[in-house]
Amino acid sequence: MVAGAGAAYLGTGGLGGWEFAFTALVTYVAFRGLDSWTFIGIGWLLHTVWDVIHLIKGSPLIPFLHDSSLGCAICDPVIALWCLSGGLSPRELLRRGRPAAVHDQAV
């Protein structure tokens, strides 16, 4: 997913050749992410920065939706935090938030 997100702006061409350089960087980070949640999180943070640059530049992800890059810039760090925390499943997240039951505690 993060590799695809890295290539999302190629169609806009808003930053010229830098679009290809960014896509190459995120592709490398996504490849490293095959073995590391940390790299996937880094990829989403990189995409957040790219979203903000496109927002400032006035070259949104969806050309007819001016704030589309802002939407990504808000959502992507949330995904990054989840990945940087290890990509836990909803069940694991709920277990982590609850205190351990008496029978779950070590003696």
Protein backbone atom coordinates (compact mmCIF):
# COMPACT_ATOMS: atom_id res chain seq x y z
CA MET A 1 0.00 0.00 0.00
CA VAL A 2 2.73 2.46 0.90
CA ALA A 3 4.51 1.84 -2.41
CA GLY A 4 1.28 2.65 -4.26
CA ALA A 5 0.79 5.77 -2.17
CA GLY A 6 4.31 6.80 -3.08
CA ALA A 7 3.37 6.76 -6.74
CA ALA A 8 0.00 8.47 -6.28
CA TYR A 9 1.25 11.91 -7.33
CA LEU A 10 2.95 10.76 -10.54
CA GLY A 11 -0.15 11.64 -12.52
CA THR A 12 -0.21 15.20 -11.24
CA GLY A 13 3.32 16.04 -12.34
CA GLY A 14 3.20 18.94 -9.92
CA LEU A 15 6.81 18.62 -8.85
CA GLY A 16 8.30 17.49 -12.14
CA GLY A 17 11.15 14.99 -11.95
CA TRP A 18 11.03 15.05 -8.16
CA GLU A 19 7.89 12.91 -8.44
CA PHE A 20 10.02 10.07 -9.86
CA ALA A 21 12.73 10.52 -7.23
CA PHE A 22 10.13 10.39 -4.45
CA THR A 23 8.50 7.31 -5.97
CA ALA A 24 11.89 5.56 -6.10
CA LEU A 25 12.59 6.46 -2.47
CA VAL A 26 9.21 5.23 -1.22
CA THR A 27 9.51 2.05 -3.30
CA TYR A 28 12.83 1.31 -1.59
CA VAL A 29 11.34 2.03 1.84
CA ALA A 30 8.33 -0.18 1.03
CA PHE A 31 10.67 -2.99 -0.04
CA ARG A 32 12.51 -2.72 3.27
CA GLY A 33 9.09 -2.74 4.91
CA LEU A 34 8.51 -6.31 3.77
CA ASP A 35 10.47 -7.25 6.90
CA SER A 36 9.89 -4.20 9.10
CA TRP A 37 6.84 -2.36 10.39
CA THR A 38 9.21 0.53 11.13
CA PHE A 39 10.01 1.02 7.46
CA ILE A 40 6.32 0.92 6.56
CA GLY A 41 5.71 3.63 9.17
CA ILE A 42 8.58 5.68 7.75
CA GLY A 43 7.05 5.33 4.29
CA TRP A 44 3.74 6.75 5.51
CA LEU A 45 5.53 9.63 7.22
CA LEU A 46 7.40 10.37 3.98
CA HIS A 47 4.08 10.38 2.15
CA THR A 48 2.70 12.80 4.74
CA VAL A 49 5.53 15.21 4.00
CA TRP A 50 4.87 14.82 0.26
CA ASP A 51 1.17 15.55 0.84
CA VAL A 52 2.03 18.77 2.68
CA ILE A 53 4.46 19.85 -0.04
CA HIS A 54 1.78 19.28 -2.69
CA LEU A 55 -0.77 21.15 -0.59
CA ILE A 56 1.55 24.15 -0.26
CA LYS A 57 2.54 23.98 -3.94
CA GLY A 58 -1.14 23.93 -4.97
CA SER A 59 -0.87 20.61 -6.77
CA PRO A 60 -3.41 18.37 -4.99
CA LEU A 61 -3.64 14.61 -5.33
CA ILE A 62 -7.05 14.92 -7.00
CA PRO A 63 -6.90 17.95 -9.30
CA PHE A 64 -10.54 19.01 -8.84
CA LEU A 65 -10.47 18.59 -5.02
CA HIS A 66 -8.20 21.32 -3.69
CA ASP A 67 -7.92 19.85 -0.17
CA SER A 68 -7.39 16.22 -1.19
CA SER A 69 -3.72 16.35 -0.20
CA LEU A 70 -4.71 17.76 3.18
CA GLY A 71 -6.98 14.76 3.75
CA CYS A 72 -4.05 12.44 3.10
CA ALA A 73 -1.76 14.53 5.30
CA ILE A 74 -4.21 14.06 8.17
CA CYS A 75 -4.78 10.32 7.72
CA ASP A 76 -1.27 9.14 6.80
CA PRO A 77 0.41 9.92 10.15
CA VAL A 78 -2.28 7.89 11.91
CA ILE A 79 -1.42 4.91 9.73
CA ALA A 80 2.29 5.60 10.36
CA LEU A 81 1.80 5.56 14.14
CA TRP A 82 -0.04 2.26 13.90
CA CYS A 83 2.80 0.79 11.82
CA LEU A 84 5.50 2.19 14.11
CA SER A 85 3.73 0.55 17.05
CA GLY A 86 4.12 -2.81 15.34
CA GLY A 87 0.95 -3.04 13.28
CA LEU A 88 -1.03 -4.74 16.02
CA SER A 89 -4.38 -6.29 15.20
CA PRO A 90 -7.51 -4.77 16.75
CA ARG A 91 -7.64 -7.69 19.21
CA GLU A 92 -4.03 -7.07 20.28
CA LEU A 93 -4.68 -3.34 20.64
CA LEU A 94 -7.67 -4.04 22.90
CA ARG A 95 -5.70 -6.52 25.00
CA ARG A 96 -2.86 -4.04 25.39
CA GLY A 97 -5.29 -1.40 26.69
CA ARG A 98 -6.90 -3.65 29.33
CA PRO A 99 -5.34 -4.58 32.65
CA ALA A 100 -4.41 -8.25 32.83
CA ALA A 101 -6.92 -10.58 34.48
CA VAL A 102 -5.88 -12.29 37.71
CA HIS A 103 -5.30 -15.62 35.97
CA ASP A 104 -3.13 -13.91 33.31
CA GLN A 105 -0.68 -12.49 35.86
CA ALA A 106 2.54 -14.30 36.62
CA VAL A 107 2.88 -15.75 40.12
